[in-house]
C-alpha atoms as a PDB file:
ATOM      1  CA  MET A   1      42.350  22.415  -6.404  1.00  0.00           C
ATOM      2  CA  GLU A   2      38.439  24.088  -5.956  1.00  0.00           C
ATOM      3  CA  ILE A   3      35.246  21.970  -6.576  1.00  0.00           C
ATOM      4  CA  PHE A   4      34.539  24.911  -8.868  1.00  0.00           C
ATOM      5  CA  HIS A   5      37.253  23.393 -11.223  1.00  0.00           C
ATOM      6  CA  LEU A   6      36.029  19.712 -11.224  1.00  0.00           C
ATOM      7  CA  ARG A   7      32.917  21.112 -11.431  1.00  0.00           C
ATOM      8  CA  TYR A   8      33.918  23.028 -15.014  1.00  0.00           C
ATOM      9  CA  PHE A   9      36.234  19.649 -16.154  1.00  0.00           C
ATOM     10  CA  VAL A  10      33.055  17.473 -16.096  1.00  0.00           C
ATOM     11  CA  ALA A  11      31.317  20.031 -17.583  1.00  0.00           C
ATOM     12  CA  VAL A  12      33.376  19.902 -20.198  1.00  0.00           C
ATOM     13  CA  ALA A  13      34.171  15.902 -19.766  1.00  0.00           C
ATOM     14  CA  GLU A  14      30.606  15.932 -20.494  1.00  0.00           C
ATOM     15  CA  GLU A  15      29.550  18.074 -23.151  1.00  0.00           C
ATOM     16  CA  LEU A  16      33.576  17.568 -25.336  1.00  0.00           C
ATOM     17  CA  ASN A  17      32.962  20.975 -26.063  1.00  0.00           C
ATOM     18  CA  PHE A  18      34.149  24.040 -24.822  1.00  0.00           C
ATOM     19  CA  SER A  19      31.382  26.251 -25.902  1.00  0.00           C
ATOM     20  CA  ALA A  20      28.529  24.294 -25.190  1.00  0.00           C
ATOM     21  CA  ALA A  21      30.175  23.825 -21.288  1.00  0.00           C
ATOM     22  CA  ALA A  22      30.721  27.639 -21.022  1.00  0.00           C
ATOM     23  CA  ARG A  23      26.984  28.097 -21.629  1.00  0.00           C
ATOM     24  CA  ARG A  24      25.845  24.954 -19.532  1.00  0.00           C
ATOM     25  CA  MET A  25      27.809  26.293 -16.726  1.00  0.00           C
ATOM     26  CA  HIS A  26      26.859  30.165 -17.575  1.00  0.00           C
ATOM     27  CA  MET A  27      30.290  31.481 -17.683  1.00  0.00           C
ATOM     28  CA  ALA A  28      31.881  32.899 -20.846  1.00  0.00           C
ATOM     29  CA  THR A  29      34.587  29.903 -22.836  1.00  0.00           C
ATOM     30  CA  SER A  30      37.684  31.892 -21.989  1.00  0.00           C
ATOM     31  CA  PRO A  31      37.588  31.862 -18.031  1.00  0.00           C
ATOM     32  CA  LEU A  32      36.318  28.315 -18.382  1.00  0.00           C
ATOM     33  CA  SER A  33      39.646  27.520 -20.849  1.00  0.00           C
ATOM     34  CA  GLN A  34      41.363  29.080 -17.753  1.00  0.00           C
ATOM     35  CA  ARG A  35      40.497  26.929 -14.705  1.00  0.00           C
ATOM     36  CA  ILE A  36      40.725  24.105 -16.749  1.00  0.00           C
ATOM     37  CA  ARG A  37      44.595  24.698 -17.892  1.00  0.00           C
ATOM     38  CA  ASP A  38      44.708  25.793 -14.000  1.00  0.00           C
ATOM     39  CA  LEU A  39      43.334  22.304 -13.588  1.00  0.00           C
ATOM     40  CA  GLU A  40      46.028  20.592 -15.728  1.00  0.00           C
ATOM     41  CA  ARG A  41      49.123  23.042 -14.093  1.00  0.00           C
ATOM     42  CA  GLU A  42      48.030  21.824 -10.745  1.00  0.00           C
ATOM     43  CA  LEU A  43      47.587  18.259 -11.870  1.00  0.00           C
ATOM     44  CA  ASP A  44      50.438  18.148 -14.096  1.00  0.00           C
ATOM     45  CA  GLU A  45      48.478  16.303 -16.373  1.00  0.00           C
ATOM     46  CA  ARG A  46      46.887  17.396 -20.159  1.00  0.00           C
ATOM     47  CA  LEU A  47      42.910  16.360 -19.221  1.00  0.00           C
ATOM     48  CA  PHE A  48      41.873  17.239 -23.231  1.00  0.00           C
ATOM     49  CA  ASP A  49      43.498  17.078 -26.999  1.00  0.00           C
ATOM     50  CA  ARG A  50      42.160  20.603 -28.305  1.00  0.00           C
ATOM     51  CA  THR A  51      41.754  20.591 -32.319  1.00  0.00           C
ATOM     52  CA  THR A  52      39.936  23.060 -34.017  1.00  0.00           C
ATOM     53  CA  HIS A  53      36.914  21.021 -34.471  1.00  0.00           C
ATOM     54  CA  HIS A  54      37.348  18.375 -32.063  1.00  0.00           C
ATOM     55  CA  VAL A  55      37.943  17.763 -27.940  1.00  0.00           C
ATOM     56  CA  THR A  56      38.934  14.921 -26.726  1.00  0.00           C
ATOM     57  CA  LEU A  57      39.654  13.598 -23.087  1.00  0.00           C
ATOM     58  CA  THR A  58      43.365  12.229 -22.877  1.00  0.00           C
ATOM     59  CA  PRO A  59      43.980   8.918 -20.769  1.00  0.00           C
ATOM     60  CA  ALA A  60      44.391  11.347 -17.655  1.00  0.00           C
ATOM     61  CA  GLY A  61      41.020  12.912 -17.953  1.00  0.00           C
ATOM     62  CA  GLU A  62      39.412   9.696 -18.732  1.00  0.00           C
ATOM     63  CA  ALA A  63      40.561   8.162 -15.289  1.00  0.00           C
ATOM     64  CA  LEU A  64      39.764  11.591 -14.028  1.00  0.00           C
ATOM     65  CA  LEU A  65      36.003  11.468 -14.616  1.00  0.00           C
ATOM     66  CA  PRO A  66      34.506   8.573 -12.425  1.00  0.00           C
ATOM     67  CA  ILE A  67      36.963  10.234  -9.829  1.00  0.00           C
ATOM     68  CA  ALA A  68      35.466  13.402 -10.061  1.00  0.00           C
ATOM     69  CA  ARG A  69      32.102  12.753 -10.574  1.00  0.00           C
ATOM     70  CA  ASP A  70      32.119  10.704  -7.579  1.00  0.00           C
ATOM     71  CA  VAL A  71      33.803  13.640  -5.572  1.00  0.00           C
ATOM     72  CA  LEU A  72      30.820  16.023  -7.016  1.00  0.00           C
ATOM     73  CA  GLU A  73      28.219  13.305  -6.053  1.00  0.00           C
ATOM     74  CA  ARG A  74      29.198  13.669  -2.342  1.00  0.00           C
ATOM     75  CA  ILE A  75      29.638  17.100  -2.597  1.00  0.00           C
ATOM     76  CA  ASN A  76      25.684  17.403  -3.660  1.00  0.00           C
ATOM     77  CA  SER A  77      24.434  14.994  -1.129  1.00  0.00           C
ATOM     78  CA  ILE A  78      25.874  16.927   1.502  1.00  0.00           C
ATOM     79  CA  PRO A  79      22.503  18.925   2.844  1.00  0.00           C
ATOM     80  CA  TRP A  80      19.963  15.515   2.664  1.00  0.00           C
ATOM     81  CA  ARG A  81      22.470  13.641   4.476  1.00  0.00           C
ATOM     82  CA  LEU A  82      22.770  16.504   7.187  1.00  0.00           C
ATOM     83  CA  ARG A  83      18.750  15.905   7.151  1.00  0.00           C
ATOM     84  CA  GLU A  84      19.152  12.189   7.696  1.00  0.00           C
ATOM     85  CA  ALA A  85      21.609  12.586  10.220  1.00  0.00           C
ATOM     86  CA  THR A  86      20.185  15.512  12.512  1.00  0.00           C
ATOM     87  CA  GLY A  87      16.375  15.150  11.870  1.00  0.00           C
ATOM     88  CA  PRO A  88      14.667  12.357  13.875  1.00  0.00           C
ATOM     89  CA  VAL A  89      14.898   8.730  12.812  1.00  0.00           C
ATOM     90  CA  ARG A  90      11.744   7.639  10.005  1.00  0.00           C
ATOM     91  CA  SER A  91      11.185   3.993  10.762  1.00  0.00           C
ATOM     92  CA  THR A  92       9.220   1.563   8.627  1.00  0.00           C
ATOM     93  CA  MET A  93       6.090   0.397   9.886  1.00  0.00           C
ATOM     94  CA  PHE A  94       3.224  -2.175   8.329  1.00  0.00           C
ATOM     95  CA  VAL A  95      -0.582  -1.896   8.145  1.00  0.00           C
ATOM     96  CA  GLY A  96      -2.431  -5.328   7.605  1.00  0.00           C
ATOM     97  CA  ILE A  97      -5.289  -4.715   4.450  1.00  0.00           C
ATOM     98  CA  PRO A  98      -8.167  -7.871   4.318  1.00  0.00           C
ATOM     99  CA  PRO A  99      -9.328  -8.589   0.736  1.00  0.00           C
ATOM    100  CA  GLY A 100     -12.128  -6.302  -0.056  1.00  0.00           C
ATOM    101  CA  VAL A 101     -11.621  -3.239   1.733  1.00  0.00           C
ATOM    102  CA  HIS A 102     -13.812  -0.458   0.984  1.00  0.00           C
ATOM    103  CA  PRO A 103     -11.833   1.976  -1.302  1.00  0.00           C
ATOM    104  CA  ARG A 104     -13.104   5.148   1.868  1.00  0.00           C
ATOM    105  CA  VAL A 105     -11.026   3.238   4.015  1.00  0.00           C
ATOM    106  CA  ARG A 106      -7.899   2.851   1.715  1.00  0.00           C
ATOM    107  CA  GLY A 107      -8.592   6.697   0.960  1.00  0.00           C
ATOM    108  CA  GLN A 108      -8.296   7.226   5.132  1.00  0.00           C
ATOM    109  CA  ILE A 109      -4.706   4.499   5.052  1.00  0.00           C
ATOM    110  CA  THR A 110      -3.255   6.978   2.127  1.00  0.00           C
ATOM    111  CA  SER A 111      -4.248  10.011   4.221  1.00  0.00           C
ATOM    112  CA  LEU A 112      -2.875   8.129   7.211  1.00  0.00           C
ATOM    113  CA  ALA A 113       0.221   7.177   5.440  1.00  0.00           C
ATOM    114  CA  GLU A 114       0.707  10.939   4.337  1.00  0.00           C
ATOM    115  CA  ARG A 115      -0.050  12.425   7.878  1.00  0.00           C
ATOM    116  CA  VAL A 116       3.069  10.430   9.634  1.00  0.00           C
ATOM    117  CA  GLY A 117       5.225   9.939   6.499  1.00  0.00           C
ATOM    118  CA  GLU A 118       7.445  12.771   8.167  1.00  0.00           C
ATOM    119  CA  TRP A 119       8.593   9.942  10.486  1.00  0.00           C
ATOM    120  CA  CYS A 120       7.290   7.084   9.762  1.00  0.00           C
ATOM    121  CA  GLU A 121       6.817   4.915   6.007  1.00  0.00           C
ATOM    122  CA  LEU A 122       3.274   3.465   6.239  1.00  0.00           C
ATOM    123  CA  LEU A 123       3.233   0.490   4.033  1.00  0.00           C
ATOM    124  CA  THR A 124       0.575  -2.202   3.845  1.00  0.00           C
ATOM    125  CA  TRP A 125       0.250  -6.045   4.106  1.00  0.00           C
ATOM    126  CA  PRO A 126      -2.391  -8.333   2.902  1.00  0.00           C
ATOM    127  CA  GLY A 127      -3.838 -10.949   4.081  1.00  0.00           C
ATOM    128  CA  SER A 128      -7.354 -12.535   5.766  1.00  0.00           C
ATOM    129  CA  SER A 129      -8.424 -11.318   8.901  1.00  0.00           C
ATOM    130  CA  LYS A 130      -7.158 -13.883  11.270  1.00  0.00           C
ATOM    131  CA  ALA A 131      -3.634 -13.822   9.744  1.00  0.00           C
ATOM    132  CA  LEU A 132      -3.767 -10.028  10.226  1.00  0.00           C
ATOM    133  CA  VAL A 133      -4.681 -10.174  13.823  1.00  0.00           C
ATOM    134  CA  ALA A 134      -2.306 -12.624  14.450  1.00  0.00           C
ATOM    135  CA  GLY A 135       0.354 -10.483  12.963  1.00  0.00           C
ATOM    136  CA  VAL A 136      -0.211  -7.465  15.411  1.00  0.00           C
ATOM    137  CA  CYS A 137      -0.713  -9.698  18.128  1.00  0.00           C
ATOM    138  CA  GLU A 138       3.538 -11.005  17.070  1.00  0.00           C
ATOM    139  CA  SER A 139       4.113  -7.299  16.403  1.00  0.00           C
ATOM    140  CA  ARG A 140       4.950  -8.208  12.858  1.00  0.00           C
ATOM    141  CA  LEU A 141       2.384  -5.581  11.939  1.00  0.00           C
ATOM    142  CA  ALA A 142       1.835  -2.314  13.624  1.00  0.00           C
ATOM    143  CA  LEU A 143      -1.971  -1.997  12.521  1.00  0.00           C
ATOM    144  CA  ALA A 144      -4.365  -3.725  10.508  1.00  0.00           C
ATOM    145  CA  LEU A 145      -7.912  -3.366   9.490  1.00  0.00           C
ATOM    146  CA  ALA A 146      -9.404  -6.489  10.480  1.00  0.00           C
ATOM    147  CA  ARG A 147     -13.662  -8.138  10.348  1.00  0.00           C
ATOM    148  CA  LEU A 148     -15.155  -8.077  14.072  1.00  0.00           C
ATOM    149  CA  PRO A 149     -15.833  -9.997  15.576  1.00  0.00           C
ATOM    150  CA  ILE A 150     -12.021  -9.834  17.913  1.00  0.00           C
ATOM    151  CA  SER A 151     -12.227 -10.673  21.721  1.00  0.00           C
ATOM    152  CA  ASP A 152      -8.186 -10.626  22.016  1.00  0.00           C
ATOM    153  CA  PRO A 153      -7.194  -9.255  24.936  1.00  0.00           C
ATOM    154  CA  VAL A 154      -4.180  -7.529  24.173  1.00  0.00           C
ATOM    155  CA  LEU A 155      -5.231  -5.391  21.267  1.00  0.00           C
ATOM    156  CA  ASP A 156      -7.364  -2.052  20.809  1.00  0.00           C
ATOM    157  CA  VAL A 157      -9.884  -2.054  18.640  1.00  0.00           C
ATOM    158  CA  LEU A 158     -11.273   1.177  16.831  1.00  0.00           C
ATOM    159  CA  PRO A 159     -14.373   0.568  14.560  1.00  0.00           C
ATOM    160  CA  VAL A 160     -14.092   2.546  11.577  1.00  0.00           C
ATOM    161  CA  LEU A 161     -16.627   1.031   9.091  1.00  0.00           C
ATOM    162  CA  SER A 162     -19.848  -1.285   8.730  1.00  0.00           C
ATOM    163  CA  GLU A 163     -21.114  -2.393   5.363  1.00  0.00           C
ATOM    164  CA  ARG A 164     -24.562  -4.461   4.765  1.00  0.00           C
ATOM    165  CA  LEU A 165     -24.837  -7.705   3.783  1.00  0.00           C
ATOM    166  CA  GLY A 166     -26.695  -9.157   0.808  1.00  0.00           C
ATOM    167  CA  ALA A 167     -27.240 -12.728  -0.267  1.00  0.00           C
ATOM    168  CA  VAL A 168     -25.347 -13.691  -3.584  1.00  0.00           C
ATOM    169  CA  VAL A 169     -27.666 -15.475  -5.531  1.00  0.00           C
ATOM    170  CA  PRO A 170     -28.101 -17.236  -8.549  1.00  0.00           C
ATOM    171  CA  ALA A 171     -29.533 -14.756 -10.987  1.00  0.00           C
ATOM    172  CA  ASP A 172     -31.419 -16.977 -13.154  1.00  0.00           C
ATOM    173  CA  ARG A 173     -33.728 -18.166  -9.726  1.00  0.00           C
ATOM    174  CA  PHE A 174     -34.369 -14.572  -8.516  1.00  0.00           C
ATOM    175  CA  ALA A 175     -35.562 -13.118 -12.205  1.00  0.00           C
ATOM    176  CA  GLY A 176     -37.532  -9.591 -11.772  1.00  0.00           C
ATOM    177  CA  LYS A 177     -36.696 -10.370  -7.386  1.00  0.00           C
ATOM    178  CA  ASP A 178     -35.450  -6.917  -5.686  1.00  0.00           C
ATOM    179  CA  SER A 179     -34.966  -8.671  -2.415  1.00  0.00           C
ATOM    180  CA  VAL A 180     -35.006 -11.821  -0.766  1.00  0.00           C
ATOM    181  CA  ALA A 181     -35.917 -13.380   2.402  1.00  0.00           C
ATOM    182  CA  LEU A 182     -34.303 -16.114   4.378  1.00  0.00           C
ATOM    183  CA  ALA A 183     -37.562 -18.651   3.923  1.00  0.00           C
ATOM    184  CA  ASP A 184     -36.038 -18.374  -0.053  1.00  0.00           C
ATOM    185  CA  LEU A 185     -33.021 -19.901   0.112  1.00  0.00           C
ATOM    186  CA  THR A 186     -33.634 -22.855   2.256  1.00  0.00           C
ATOM    187  CA  ASP A 187     -33.516 -25.175  -0.969  1.00  0.00           C
ATOM    188  CA  LEU A 188     -30.122 -24.003  -1.295  1.00  0.00           C
ATOM    189  CA  SER A 189     -26.760 -24.592   0.114  1.00  0.00           C
ATOM    190  CA  PHE A 190     -25.088 -21.778   2.275  1.00  0.00           C
ATOM    191  CA  VAL A 191     -21.420 -22.186   1.351  1.00  0.00           C
ATOM    192  CA  ILE A 192     -18.593 -22.683   3.883  1.00  0.00           C
ATOM    193  CA  SER A 193     -15.546 -20.542   2.341  1.00  0.00           C
ATOM    194  CA  PRO A 194     -12.365 -21.736   3.066  1.00  0.00           C
ATOM    195  CA  ARG A 195     -11.201 -21.439   6.913  1.00  0.00           C
ATOM    196  CA  GLU A 196      -8.401 -18.995   5.725  1.00  0.00           C
ATOM    197  CA  ILE A 197     -10.687 -16.205   3.937  1.00  0.00           C
ATOM    198  CA  ARG A 198     -13.595 -16.933   6.505  1.00  0.00           C
ATOM    199  CA  PRO A 199     -14.284 -14.029   8.446  1.00  0.00           C
ATOM    200  CA  THR A 200     -15.405 -14.992  11.746  1.00  0.00           C
ATOM    201  CA  CYS A 201     -18.881 -12.984  11.688  1.00  0.00           C
ATOM    202  CA  PHE A 202     -19.735 -16.187   8.789  1.00  0.00           C
ATOM    203  CA  GLU A 203     -19.024 -18.240  11.367  1.00  0.00           C
ATOM    204  CA  LEU A 204     -21.549 -16.443  13.312  1.00  0.00           C
ATOM    205  CA  LEU A 205     -23.867 -15.616  10.354  1.00  0.00           C
ATOM    206  CA  ASP A 206     -23.675 -19.652  10.066  1.00  0.00           C
ATOM    207  CA  ARG A 207     -24.880 -20.538  13.325  1.00  0.00           C
ATOM    208  CA  GLU A 208     -27.602 -17.769  13.189  1.00  0.00           C
ATOM    209  CA  MET A 209     -28.950 -19.314   9.755  1.00  0.00           C
ATOM    210  CA  ALA A 210     -29.298 -22.897  10.671  1.00  0.00           C
ATOM    211  CA  GLU A 211     -30.685 -21.860  13.814  1.00  0.00           C
ATOM    212  CA  ARG A 212     -33.884 -19.829  10.947  1.00  0.00           C
ATOM    213  CA  GLY A 213     -33.860 -22.784   8.860  1.00  0.00           C
ATOM    214  CA  VAL A 214     -31.499 -22.746   6.546  1.00  0.00           C
ATOM    215  CA  ARG A 215     -29.471 -26.484   6.640  1.00  0.00           C
ATOM    216  CA  LYS A 216     -27.945 -26.913   3.827  1.00  0.00           C
ATOM    217  CA  ARG A 217     -23.911 -26.468   3.131  1.00  0.00           C
ATOM    218  CA  ILE A 218     -21.416 -26.676   0.561  1.00  0.00           C
ATOM    219  CA  LYS A 219     -18.279 -26.670   2.023  1.00  0.00           C
ATOM    220  CA  LEU A 220     -15.198 -25.501   0.188  1.00  0.00           C
ATOM    221  CA  THR A 221     -11.678 -25.888   0.243  1.00  0.00           C
ATOM    222  CA  ASP A 222      -8.271 -24.669  -1.422  1.00  0.00           C
ATOM    223  CA  THR A 223     -10.206 -21.732  -3.214  1.00  0.00           C
ATOM    224  CA  GLY A 224     -10.737 -18.229  -2.670  1.00  0.00           C
ATOM    225  CA  TYR A 225     -13.801 -15.729  -3.544  1.00  0.00           C
ATOM    226  CA  ASP A 226     -14.072 -16.394  -7.326  1.00  0.00           C
ATOM    227  CA  GLY A 227     -14.600 -20.216  -6.503  1.00  0.00           C
ATOM    228  CA  ILE A 228     -17.548 -19.469  -4.843  1.00  0.00           C
ATOM    229  CA  ALA A 229     -18.804 -17.326  -6.934  1.00  0.00           C
ATOM    230  CA  GLU A 230     -18.231 -20.522  -9.185  1.00  0.00           C
ATOM    231  CA  VAL A 231     -20.585 -22.498  -6.917  1.00  0.00           C
ATOM    232  CA  VAL A 232     -23.402 -19.968  -6.642  1.00  0.00           C
ATOM    233  CA  SER A 233     -23.710 -19.510 -10.457  1.00  0.00           C
ATOM    234  CA  GLY A 234     -23.998 -23.143 -10.748  1.00  0.00           C
ATOM    235  CA  GLY A 235     -26.955 -22.806  -9.250  1.00  0.00           C
ATOM    236  CA  MET A 236     -27.016 -24.621  -6.447  1.00  0.00           C
ATOM    237  CA  ALA A 237     -25.929 -22.146  -3.752  1.00  0.00           C
ATOM    238  CA  PHE A 238     -26.166 -18.923  -2.148  1.00  0.00           C
ATOM    239  CA  TYR A 239     -23.253 -16.825   0.071  1.00  0.00           C
ATOM    240  CA  PHE A 240     -23.141 -13.252   1.134  1.00  0.00           C
ATOM    241  CA  SER A 241     -21.884 -10.354  -0.216  1.00  0.00           C
ATOM    242  CA  ILE A 242     -21.489  -6.299   0.902  1.00  0.00           C
ATOM    243  CA  LEU A 243     -23.937  -4.811  -1.030  1.00  0.00           C
ATOM    244  CA  ASN A 244     -22.257  -1.393  -1.509  1.00  0.00           C
ATOM    245  CA  SER A 245     -21.936  -1.141  -4.865  1.00  0.00           C
ATOM    246  CA  GLU A 246     -18.299   0.880  -4.553  1.00  0.00           C
ATOM    247  CA  SER A 247     -16.878  -2.613  -2.325  1.00  0.00           C
ATOM    248  CA  PRO A 248     -14.369  -4.773  -4.407  1.00  0.00           C
ATOM    249  CA  MET A 249     -16.323  -7.929  -3.618  1.00  0.00           C
ATOM    250  CA  HIS A 250     -18.227  -7.144  -6.273  1.00  0.00           C
ATOM    251  CA  GLY A 251     -14.779  -7.840  -8.453  1.00  0.00           C
ATOM    252  CA  TYR A 252     -15.610 -11.456  -7.837  1.00  0.00           C
ATOM    253  CA  ALA A 253     -19.312 -11.629  -9.783  1.00  0.00           C
ATOM    254  CA  MET A 254     -19.792 -14.227 -12.226  1.00  0.00           C
ATOM    255  CA  ALA A 255     -22.148 -14.410 -14.457  1.00  0.00           C
ATOM    256  CA  ASN A 256     -25.574 -15.591 -13.723  1.00  0.00           C
ATOM    257  CA  THR A 257     -24.611 -14.175  -9.653  1.00  0.00           C
ATOM    258  CA  LEU A 258     -27.171 -11.548  -8.190  1.00  0.00           C
ATOM    259  CA  VAL A 259     -26.516  -9.738  -4.740  1.00  0.00           C
ATOM    260  CA  LEU A 260     -30.246  -9.080  -3.143  1.00  0.00           C
ATOM    261  CA  PRO A 261     -30.505  -6.911  -0.328  1.00  0.00           C
ATOM    262  CA  PHE A 262     -32.512  -9.326   2.731  1.00  0.00           C
ATOM    263  CA  GLU A 263     -36.665  -8.660   3.449  1.00  0.00           C
ATOM    264  CA  ASP A 264     -36.304 -10.500   6.751  1.00  0.00           C
ATOM    265  CA  PHE A 265     -32.108 -10.283   8.272  1.00  0.00           C
ATOM    266  CA  ASP A 266     -29.585  -7.273   8.281  1.00  0.00           C
ATOM    267  CA  PRO A 267     -26.468  -8.832   8.838  1.00  0.00           C
ATOM    268  CA  LEU A 268     -23.530  -5.973   8.781  1.00  0.00           C
ATOM    269  CA  LEU A 269     -19.550  -7.110   7.855  1.00  0.00           C
ATOM    270  CA  GLU A 270     -18.063  -4.871  10.343  1.00  0.00           C
ATOM    271  CA  THR A 271     -14.637  -3.470  10.332  1.00  0.00           C
ATOM    272  CA  ALA A 272     -11.848  -2.021  12.787  1.00  0.00           C
ATOM    273  CA  LEU A 273      -8.121  -1.023  12.935  1.00  0.00           C
ATOM    274  CA  ILE A 274      -6.557  -2.552  15.953  1.00  0.00           C
ATOM    275  CA  TRP A 275      -2.586  -2.414  17.504  1.00  0.00           C
ATOM    276  CA  ARG A 276      -1.490  -3.917  20.564  1.00  0.00           C
ATOM    277  CA  ARG A 277      -2.414  -1.839  23.825  1.00  0.00           C
ATOM    278  CA  ASP A 278       0.612  -2.391  25.397  1.00  0.00           C
ATOM    279  CA  ARG A 279       2.881  -0.854  22.468  1.00  0.00           C
ATOM    280  CA  ALA A 280       0.755   2.402  22.360  1.00  0.00           C
ATOM    281  CA  ALA A 281       0.996   2.363  26.456  1.00  0.00           C
ATOM    282  CA  ALA A 282       5.398   1.676  26.178  1.00  0.00           C
ATOM    283  CA  GLY A 283       5.384   4.991  23.238  1.00  0.00           C
ATOM    284  CA  ASP A 284       6.208   2.259  20.145  1.00  0.00           C
ATOM    285  CA  LEU A 285       2.976   3.264  19.000  1.00  0.00           C
ATOM    286  CA  ASP A 286       2.013   6.368  20.451  1.00  0.00           C
ATOM    287  CA  LYS A 287       2.360   8.698  17.631  1.00  0.00           C
ATOM    288  CA  LEU A 288       0.667   6.298  14.969  1.00  0.00           C
ATOM    289  CA  VAL A 289      -1.960   5.431  17.191  1.00  0.00           C
ATOM    290  CA  GLU A 290      -2.892   8.941  18.041  1.00  0.00           C
ATOM    291  CA  ALA A 291      -2.877  10.158  14.182  1.00  0.00           C
ATOM    292  CA  ALA A 292      -5.157   6.882  13.275  1.00  0.00           C
ATOM    293  CA  ARG A 293      -7.613   7.796  16.199  1.00  0.00           C
ATOM    294  CA  GLU A 294      -7.772  11.443  14.523  1.00  0.00           C
ATOM    295  CA  VAL A 295      -7.727   9.928  10.612  1.00  0.00           C
ATOM    296  CA  PHE A 296     -10.803   7.458  11.850  1.00  0.00           C
ATOM    297  CA  ALA A 297     -12.470   9.630  14.525  1.00  0.00           C
ATOM    298  CA  ASP A 298     -15.896   8.922  12.098  1.00  0.00           C
ATOM    299  CA  PRO A 299     -17.420   5.225  11.359  1.00  0.00           C
ATOM    300  CA  LEU A 300     -18.513   4.818   7.934  1.00  0.00           C
ATOM    301  CA  HIS A 301     -21.594   3.287   7.378  1.00  0.00           C
ATOM    302  CA  VAL A 302     -22.437   2.131   4.177  1.00  0.00           C
END
């Protein structure tokens, strides 16, 4: 018995028509019929009932069909199984992504995944900056994008993005204005976002605003950026958001909210790619980090 006998048998069994099976196998009907008869003689079983108008499988043919398909699938899989067995091991690694990452940085992550795709499947994992930093420190994540500042000594930090921040204010109170000064915000409350989503830089901004006379606060819990927008929309508070119109953070905007640049203040939201220094030095992440340094060689400023 040869492999081609099984291929011919499966073609006829699936078509239940010798002429159609012959066309599928790019051969004439007569030699195909002969090969099926050869197989039946070798197995000592009749595999098809043939009439002038119909071809049906016999019980032996029905039993052989799944066996033949399995054998052919195994034969067909030999090339990729061999490549898998002899080629480099392809690992899976995760890169952490915080909320509101700029689409151009997401594009760079996609480019990095394509660049290392031959030997590494790079998948994204969501989380707040604080959670992602912990994930890298604990080696659950290979890389992460995280908001600066970051001071953990085990981490290497590669700046990738700097974004200007503006004030998210009630639109009806600032109608017609194209910028805002800190003095304009002293009668509004600054929103203290829940700790789990609050970037460290916003804690620093909070202290700086207090020193500049903006002292009212509203502290939120158990909500996200949509909840912050809700409070601002109500007219009693303000917050910070990214000025660049491409930022996904603009998706949280609500009616009666407006993002204005500052006249006397230039806050920035800076994002970096981080990894454990010892993992890169030990060879665990060296190829991935090398590729990341190339992809993120020129920090973006938006």
